[in-house]
Amino acid sequence: MRPLKIKDRCTKKKLKKSDEVIRTYDKIQTAYAEILDRDENIKSIQCNVPLEDLDEGEFTTDFLCTKIDGDILVRECVFRKKLSLPRTCKLLDISREYWLKRGVTDWGIVIKKEEKENEEE
């Protein structure tokens, strides 16, 4: 979940499964957009979808996707180090509740995979 009006740098990218050029704001969001675009179960992808009528302010969901079977998938991208912050937890709860009220049950978060230190080959 991100603020609606972001002034950070973004990466613009055209995906096969999106009708418009998407804007991603960090490496996790960019990498996951590419994963979704390659996923055979995903029919269409929307990025940074505004959440309407929130008391907490104006925010967006990172990804709103339609699957081939018609179900909706929602994903929020979060850095692992921010998961323990109260604000992050609150915003994730707001997003989950928002989409549950709209009948979306396939809601989840995307976290960068941890790299193992001194990994043996």
N, C-alpha and C. Protein backbone atom coordinates (compact mmCIF):
# COMPACT_ATOMS: atom_id res chain seq x y z
N MET A 1 0.85 -1.17 0.00
CA MET A 1 0.00 0.00 0.00
C MET A 1 0.89 1.22 0.00
N ARG A 2 0.57 2.16 -0.86
CA ARG A 2 1.36 3.38 -0.98
C ARG A 2 0.44 4.59 -0.97
N PRO A 3 1.01 5.75 -0.62
CA PRO A 3 0.20 6.97 -0.74
C PRO A 3 -0.20 7.19 -2.20
N LEU A 4 -1.35 7.79 -2.42
CA LEU A 4 -1.84 8.03 -3.78
C LEU A 4 -0.90 8.94 -4.55
N LYS A 5 -0.42 9.98 -3.90
CA LYS A 5 0.47 10.94 -4.56
C LYS A 5 1.89 10.70 -4.10
N ILE A 6 2.68 10.08 -4.97
CA ILE A 6 4.07 9.76 -4.66
C ILE A 6 4.97 10.67 -5.48
N LYS A 7 5.97 11.21 -4.83
CA LYS A 7 6.90 12.10 -5.52
C LYS A 7 8.26 11.45 -5.73
N ASP A 8 8.37 10.15 -5.45
CA ASP A 8 9.62 9.42 -5.65
C ASP A 8 9.81 9.11 -7.12
N ARG A 9 11.02 8.71 -7.44
CA ARG A 9 11.29 8.24 -8.80
C ARG A 9 10.55 6.94 -9.05
N CYS A 10 10.16 6.75 -10.29
CA CYS A 10 9.48 5.51 -10.63
C CYS A 10 10.08 4.92 -11.89
N THR A 11 9.83 3.64 -12.05
CA THR A 11 10.22 2.94 -13.26
C THR A 11 8.94 2.71 -14.06
N LYS A 12 8.94 3.15 -15.30
CA LYS A 12 7.78 2.94 -16.16
C LYS A 12 8.04 1.72 -17.02
N LYS A 13 7.02 0.89 -17.13
CA LYS A 13 7.19 -0.37 -17.85
C LYS A 13 5.88 -0.76 -18.52
N LYS A 14 5.97 -1.28 -19.72
CA LYS A 14 4.80 -1.80 -20.42
C LYS A 14 4.79 -3.31 -20.27
N LEU A 15 3.69 -3.82 -19.73
CA LEU A 15 3.53 -5.25 -19.57
C LEU A 15 2.53 -5.77 -20.59
N LYS A 16 2.67 -7.04 -20.97
CA LYS A 16 1.74 -7.64 -21.93
C LYS A 16 0.32 -7.68 -21.38
N LYS A 17 0.19 -7.86 -20.06
CA LYS A 17 -1.12 -8.06 -19.44
C LYS A 17 -1.71 -6.80 -18.82
N SER A 18 -1.15 -5.65 -19.16
CA SER A 18 -1.67 -4.39 -18.64
C SER A 18 -2.02 -3.47 -19.80
N ASP A 19 -3.16 -2.80 -19.69
CA ASP A 19 -3.60 -1.89 -20.75
C ASP A 19 -2.82 -0.58 -20.77
N GLU A 20 -2.14 -0.28 -19.69
CA GLU A 20 -1.41 0.98 -19.61
C GLU A 20 0.01 0.75 -19.12
N VAL A 21 0.85 1.74 -19.28
CA VAL A 21 2.21 1.67 -18.76
C VAL A 21 2.12 1.71 -17.24
N ILE A 22 2.77 0.76 -16.59
CA ILE A 22 2.72 0.74 -15.13
C ILE A 22 3.90 1.52 -14.56
N ARG A 23 3.72 2.01 -13.35
CA ARG A 23 4.78 2.72 -12.63
C ARG A 23 5.08 1.95 -11.36
N THR A 24 6.34 1.56 -11.21
CA THR A 24 6.75 0.87 -9.99
C THR A 24 7.71 1.76 -9.23
N TYR A 25 7.69 1.62 -7.90
CA TYR A 25 8.44 2.55 -7.05
C TYR A 25 9.55 1.91 -6.25
N ASP A 26 9.76 0.60 -6.39
CA ASP A 26 10.89 -0.05 -5.75
C ASP A 26 11.18 -1.36 -6.46
N LYS A 27 12.29 -2.00 -6.07
CA LYS A 27 12.73 -3.23 -6.74
C LYS A 27 11.76 -4.38 -6.55
N ILE A 28 11.13 -4.45 -5.38
CA ILE A 28 10.18 -5.54 -5.14
C ILE A 28 8.99 -5.42 -6.08
N GLN A 29 8.45 -4.22 -6.18
CA GLN A 29 7.28 -4.00 -7.03
C GLN A 29 7.63 -4.27 -8.50
N THR A 30 8.79 -3.82 -8.94
CA THR A 30 9.21 -4.04 -10.33
C THR A 30 9.38 -5.53 -10.63
N ALA A 31 10.06 -6.24 -9.73
CA ALA A 31 10.30 -7.67 -9.93
C ALA A 31 8.98 -8.45 -9.92
N TYR A 32 8.07 -8.10 -9.02
CA TYR A 32 6.82 -8.83 -8.94
C TYR A 32 5.93 -8.55 -10.15
N ALA A 33 6.00 -7.36 -10.70
CA ALA A 33 5.24 -7.04 -11.92
C ALA A 33 5.66 -7.98 -13.05
N GLU A 34 6.94 -8.22 -13.15
CA GLU A 34 7.45 -9.12 -14.19
C GLU A 34 7.01 -10.57 -13.94
N ILE A 35 6.99 -10.97 -12.68
CA ILE A 35 6.53 -12.32 -12.33
C ILE A 35 5.06 -12.49 -12.71
N LEU A 36 4.24 -11.50 -12.37
CA LEU A 36 2.81 -11.55 -12.71
C LEU A 36 2.61 -11.59 -14.23
N ASP A 37 3.41 -10.83 -14.96
CA ASP A 37 3.27 -10.78 -16.41
C ASP A 37 3.58 -12.13 -17.06
N ARG A 38 4.46 -12.92 -16.43
CA ARG A 38 4.81 -14.25 -16.96
C ARG A 38 3.88 -15.34 -16.46
N ASP A 39 3.10 -15.07 -15.42
CA ASP A 39 2.23 -16.08 -14.81
C ASP A 39 1.07 -16.43 -15.75
N GLU A 40 0.97 -17.70 -16.13
CA GLU A 40 -0.06 -18.14 -17.06
C GLU A 40 -1.47 -18.04 -16.48
N ASN A 41 -1.58 -17.99 -15.15
CA ASN A 41 -2.90 -17.91 -14.50
C ASN A 41 -3.43 -16.48 -14.40
N ILE A 42 -2.61 -15.49 -14.76
CA ILE A 42 -3.02 -14.08 -14.67
C ILE A 42 -3.46 -13.59 -16.04
N LYS A 43 -4.66 -13.03 -16.08
CA LYS A 43 -5.23 -12.51 -17.33
C LYS A 43 -4.90 -11.03 -17.52
N SER A 44 -5.07 -10.22 -16.45
CA SER A 44 -4.79 -8.78 -16.56
C SER A 44 -4.20 -8.25 -15.26
N ILE A 45 -3.41 -7.19 -15.39
CA ILE A 45 -2.70 -6.60 -14.25
C ILE A 45 -2.99 -5.11 -14.19
N GLN A 46 -3.33 -4.65 -12.99
CA GLN A 46 -3.44 -3.22 -12.71
C GLN A 46 -2.47 -2.92 -11.58
N CYS A 47 -1.79 -1.79 -11.68
CA CYS A 47 -0.79 -1.43 -10.68
C CYS A 47 -1.17 -0.09 -10.04
N ASN A 48 -0.92 0.04 -8.74
CA ASN A 48 -1.22 1.26 -7.99
C ASN A 48 -2.68 1.68 -8.12
N VAL A 49 -3.55 0.78 -7.75
CA VAL A 49 -5.00 0.99 -7.85
C VAL A 49 -5.48 1.77 -6.63
N PRO A 50 -6.13 2.93 -6.84
CA PRO A 50 -6.60 3.74 -5.70
C PRO A 50 -7.65 3.02 -4.86
N LEU A 51 -7.53 3.15 -3.55
CA LEU A 51 -8.52 2.64 -2.61
C LEU A 51 -9.45 3.81 -2.30
N GLU A 52 -10.71 3.65 -2.59
CA GLU A 52 -11.65 4.76 -2.48
C GLU A 52 -12.31 4.83 -1.10
N ASP A 53 -12.58 6.06 -0.67
CA ASP A 53 -13.35 6.34 0.55
C ASP A 53 -12.72 5.78 1.82
N LEU A 54 -11.41 5.91 1.94
CA LEU A 54 -10.75 5.50 3.18
C LEU A 54 -10.71 6.67 4.16
N ASP A 55 -10.98 6.41 5.41
CA ASP A 55 -10.89 7.45 6.44
C ASP A 55 -9.44 7.81 6.74
N GLU A 56 -8.53 6.88 6.46
CA GLU A 56 -7.12 7.05 6.81
C GLU A 56 -6.35 7.91 5.81
N GLY A 57 -6.93 8.25 4.68
CA GLY A 57 -6.24 9.04 3.66
C GLY A 57 -6.37 8.39 2.29
N GLU A 58 -5.54 8.85 1.37
CA GLU A 58 -5.57 8.35 0.00
C GLU A 58 -4.39 7.41 -0.24
N PHE A 59 -4.72 6.16 -0.52
CA PHE A 59 -3.70 5.14 -0.72
C PHE A 59 -4.03 4.30 -1.95
N THR A 60 -3.02 3.53 -2.39
CA THR A 60 -3.21 2.62 -3.51
C THR A 60 -2.77 1.22 -3.12
N THR A 61 -3.32 0.25 -3.82
CA THR A 61 -2.88 -1.15 -3.71
C THR A 61 -1.86 -1.38 -4.80
N ASP A 62 -0.81 -2.13 -4.48
CA ASP A 62 0.26 -2.34 -5.46
C ASP A 62 -0.21 -3.08 -6.71
N PHE A 63 -0.89 -4.21 -6.53
CA PHE A 63 -1.35 -4.98 -7.69
C PHE A 63 -2.76 -5.50 -7.50
N LEU A 64 -3.57 -5.30 -8.51
CA LEU A 64 -4.92 -5.86 -8.60
C LEU A 64 -4.95 -6.63 -9.91
N CYS A 65 -5.08 -7.94 -9.83
CA CYS A 65 -5.01 -8.78 -11.03
C CYS A 65 -6.28 -9.61 -11.17
N THR A 66 -6.63 -9.86 -12.41
CA THR A 66 -7.72 -10.77 -12.72
C THR A 66 -7.09 -12.06 -13.22
N LYS A 67 -7.50 -13.17 -12.62
CA LYS A 67 -6.99 -14.47 -13.04
C LYS A 67 -7.80 -14.98 -14.23
N ILE A 68 -7.28 -15.98 -14.89
CA ILE A 68 -7.94 -16.60 -16.04
C ILE A 68 -9.34 -17.09 -15.66
N ASP A 69 -9.50 -17.61 -14.43
CA ASP A 69 -10.79 -18.14 -14.00
C ASP A 69 -11.75 -17.05 -13.51
N GLY A 70 -11.34 -15.78 -13.58
CA GLY A 70 -12.20 -14.67 -13.20
C GLY A 70 -12.01 -14.18 -11.78
N ASP A 71 -11.31 -14.95 -10.94
CA ASP A 71 -11.04 -14.52 -9.57
C ASP A 71 -10.10 -13.31 -9.58
N ILE A 72 -10.15 -12.58 -8.47
CA ILE A 72 -9.29 -11.40 -8.31
C ILE A 72 -8.17 -11.72 -7.33
N LEU A 73 -6.97 -11.24 -7.64
CA LEU A 73 -5.80 -11.41 -6.80
C LEU A 73 -5.28 -10.01 -6.44
N VAL A 74 -4.99 -9.77 -5.16
CA VAL A 74 -4.43 -8.50 -4.71
C VAL A 74 -3.12 -8.78 -3.99
N ARG A 75 -2.09 -8.00 -4.32
CA ARG A 75 -0.80 -8.15 -3.66
C ARG A 75 -0.25 -6.78 -3.26
N GLU A 76 0.33 -6.75 -2.06
CA GLU A 76 1.01 -5.56 -1.54
C GLU A 76 2.49 -5.92 -1.38
N CYS A 77 3.37 -5.06 -1.86
CA CYS A 77 4.81 -5.29 -1.79
C CYS A 77 5.39 -4.54 -0.59
N VAL A 78 6.16 -5.25 0.23
CA VAL A 78 6.70 -4.67 1.46
C VAL A 78 8.13 -5.13 1.68
N PHE A 79 8.99 -4.22 2.10
CA PHE A 79 10.33 -4.61 2.50
C PHE A 79 10.27 -5.29 3.86
N ARG A 80 11.02 -6.36 4.04
CA ARG A 80 11.02 -7.15 5.27
C ARG A 80 11.28 -6.28 6.50
N LYS A 81 12.22 -5.33 6.38
CA LYS A 81 12.56 -4.50 7.54
C LYS A 81 11.41 -3.58 7.96
N LYS A 82 10.44 -3.36 7.08
CA LYS A 82 9.32 -2.50 7.43
C LYS A 82 8.12 -3.26 7.99
N LEU A 83 8.19 -4.59 7.97
CA LEU A 83 7.06 -5.39 8.45
C LEU A 83 6.78 -5.20 9.93
N SER A 84 7.79 -4.87 10.70
CA SER A 84 7.60 -4.71 12.15
C SER A 84 7.15 -3.30 12.54
N LEU A 85 7.08 -2.40 11.60
CA LEU A 85 6.66 -1.03 11.90
C LEU A 85 5.14 -0.97 12.08
N PRO A 86 4.67 -0.32 13.13
CA PRO A 86 3.22 -0.24 13.38
C PRO A 86 2.45 0.36 12.20
N ARG A 87 2.98 1.38 11.56
CA ARG A 87 2.30 2.03 10.43
C ARG A 87 2.12 1.05 9.27
N THR A 88 3.15 0.27 8.98
CA THR A 88 3.08 -0.71 7.90
C THR A 88 2.01 -1.75 8.20
N CYS A 89 2.01 -2.27 9.42
CA CYS A 89 1.00 -3.27 9.81
C CYS A 89 -0.41 -2.70 9.70
N LYS A 90 -0.58 -1.47 10.12
CA LYS A 90 -1.89 -0.82 10.06
C LYS A 90 -2.36 -0.68 8.61
N LEU A 91 -1.47 -0.24 7.73
CA LEU A 91 -1.84 -0.06 6.32
C LEU A 91 -2.15 -1.41 5.65
N LEU A 92 -1.38 -2.43 5.98
CA LEU A 92 -1.67 -3.76 5.41
C LEU A 92 -3.03 -4.28 5.89
N ASP A 93 -3.34 -4.06 7.15
CA ASP A 93 -4.66 -4.45 7.67
C ASP A 93 -5.78 -3.69 6.96
N ILE A 94 -5.56 -2.41 6.72
CA ILE A 94 -6.56 -1.59 6.02
C ILE A 94 -6.79 -2.14 4.62
N SER A 95 -5.71 -2.45 3.92
CA SER A 95 -5.82 -3.00 2.56
C SER A 95 -6.57 -4.33 2.57
N ARG A 96 -6.18 -5.22 3.48
CA ARG A 96 -6.81 -6.54 3.54
C ARG A 96 -8.31 -6.43 3.82
N GLU A 97 -8.68 -5.59 4.77
CA GLU A 97 -10.09 -5.38 5.10
C GLU A 97 -10.85 -4.74 3.93
N TYR A 98 -10.22 -3.78 3.28
CA TYR A 98 -10.82 -3.10 2.13
C TYR A 98 -11.21 -4.11 1.06
N TRP A 99 -10.28 -5.00 0.72
CA TRP A 99 -10.53 -5.96 -0.35
C TRP A 99 -11.45 -7.09 0.09
N LEU A 100 -11.37 -7.49 1.36
CA LEU A 100 -12.30 -8.51 1.86
C LEU A 100 -13.75 -8.02 1.77
N LYS A 101 -13.97 -6.75 2.08
CA LYS A 101 -15.32 -6.17 1.99
C LYS A 101 -15.83 -6.18 0.55
N ARG A 102 -14.93 -6.24 -0.40
CA ARG A 102 -15.31 -6.26 -1.81
C ARG A 102 -15.26 -7.67 -2.39
N GLY A 103 -15.16 -8.66 -1.52
CA GLY A 103 -15.23 -10.05 -1.96
C GLY A 103 -13.93 -10.67 -2.42
N VAL A 104 -12.82 -9.99 -2.24
CA VAL A 104 -11.52 -10.54 -2.68
C VAL A 104 -10.93 -11.35 -1.53
N THR A 105 -10.71 -12.63 -1.79
CA THR A 105 -10.14 -13.49 -0.76
C THR A 105 -8.67 -13.84 -1.03
N ASP A 106 -8.22 -13.64 -2.26
CA ASP A 106 -6.83 -13.93 -2.61
C ASP A 106 -6.01 -12.65 -2.44
N TRP A 107 -5.75 -12.31 -1.18
CA TRP A 107 -4.98 -11.11 -0.83
C TRP A 107 -3.69 -11.57 -0.16
N GLY A 108 -2.59 -10.92 -0.48
CA GLY A 108 -1.33 -11.32 0.15
C GLY A 108 -0.27 -10.25 0.04
N ILE A 109 0.84 -10.49 0.74
CA ILE A 109 1.96 -9.56 0.67
C ILE A 109 3.13 -10.22 -0.04
N VAL A 110 3.95 -9.40 -0.65
CA VAL A 110 5.15 -9.86 -1.35
C VAL A 110 6.34 -9.27 -0.63
N ILE A 111 7.26 -10.15 -0.23
CA ILE A 111 8.46 -9.74 0.49
C ILE A 111 9.66 -10.29 -0.26
N LYS A 112 10.71 -9.49 -0.36
CA LYS A 112 11.92 -9.94 -1.04
C LYS A 112 12.49 -11.16 -0.32
N LYS A 113 12.86 -12.15 -1.08
CA LYS A 113 13.46 -13.37 -0.54
C LYS A 113 14.78 -13.01 0.15
N GLU A 114 14.99 -13.56 1.35
CA GLU A 114 16.24 -13.32 2.06
C GLU A 114 17.35 -14.09 1.41
N GLU A 115 18.50 -13.44 1.31
CA GLU A 115 19.67 -14.10 0.76
C GLU A 115 20.46 -14.67 1.93
N LYS A 116 20.90 -15.91 1.81
CA LYS A 116 21.66 -16.55 2.89
C LYS A 116 23.10 -16.07 2.84
N GLU A 117 23.62 -15.71 4.01
CA GLU A 117 25.01 -15.31 4.09
C GLU A 117 25.88 -16.56 4.08
N ASN A 118 27.04 -16.45 3.45
CA ASN A 118 28.02 -17.53 3.40
C ASN A 118 27.41 -18.83 2.92
N GLU A 119 26.57 -18.73 1.92
CA GLU A 119 25.92 -19.93 1.38
C GLU A 119 26.96 -20.81 0.70
N GLU A 120 26.97 -22.09 1.07
CA GLU A 120 27.90 -23.03 0.47
C GLU A 120 27.35 -23.55 -0.83
N GLU A 121 28.24 -23.76 -1.77
CA GLU A 121 27.80 -24.25 -3.07
C GLU A 121 27.86 -25.76 -3.15
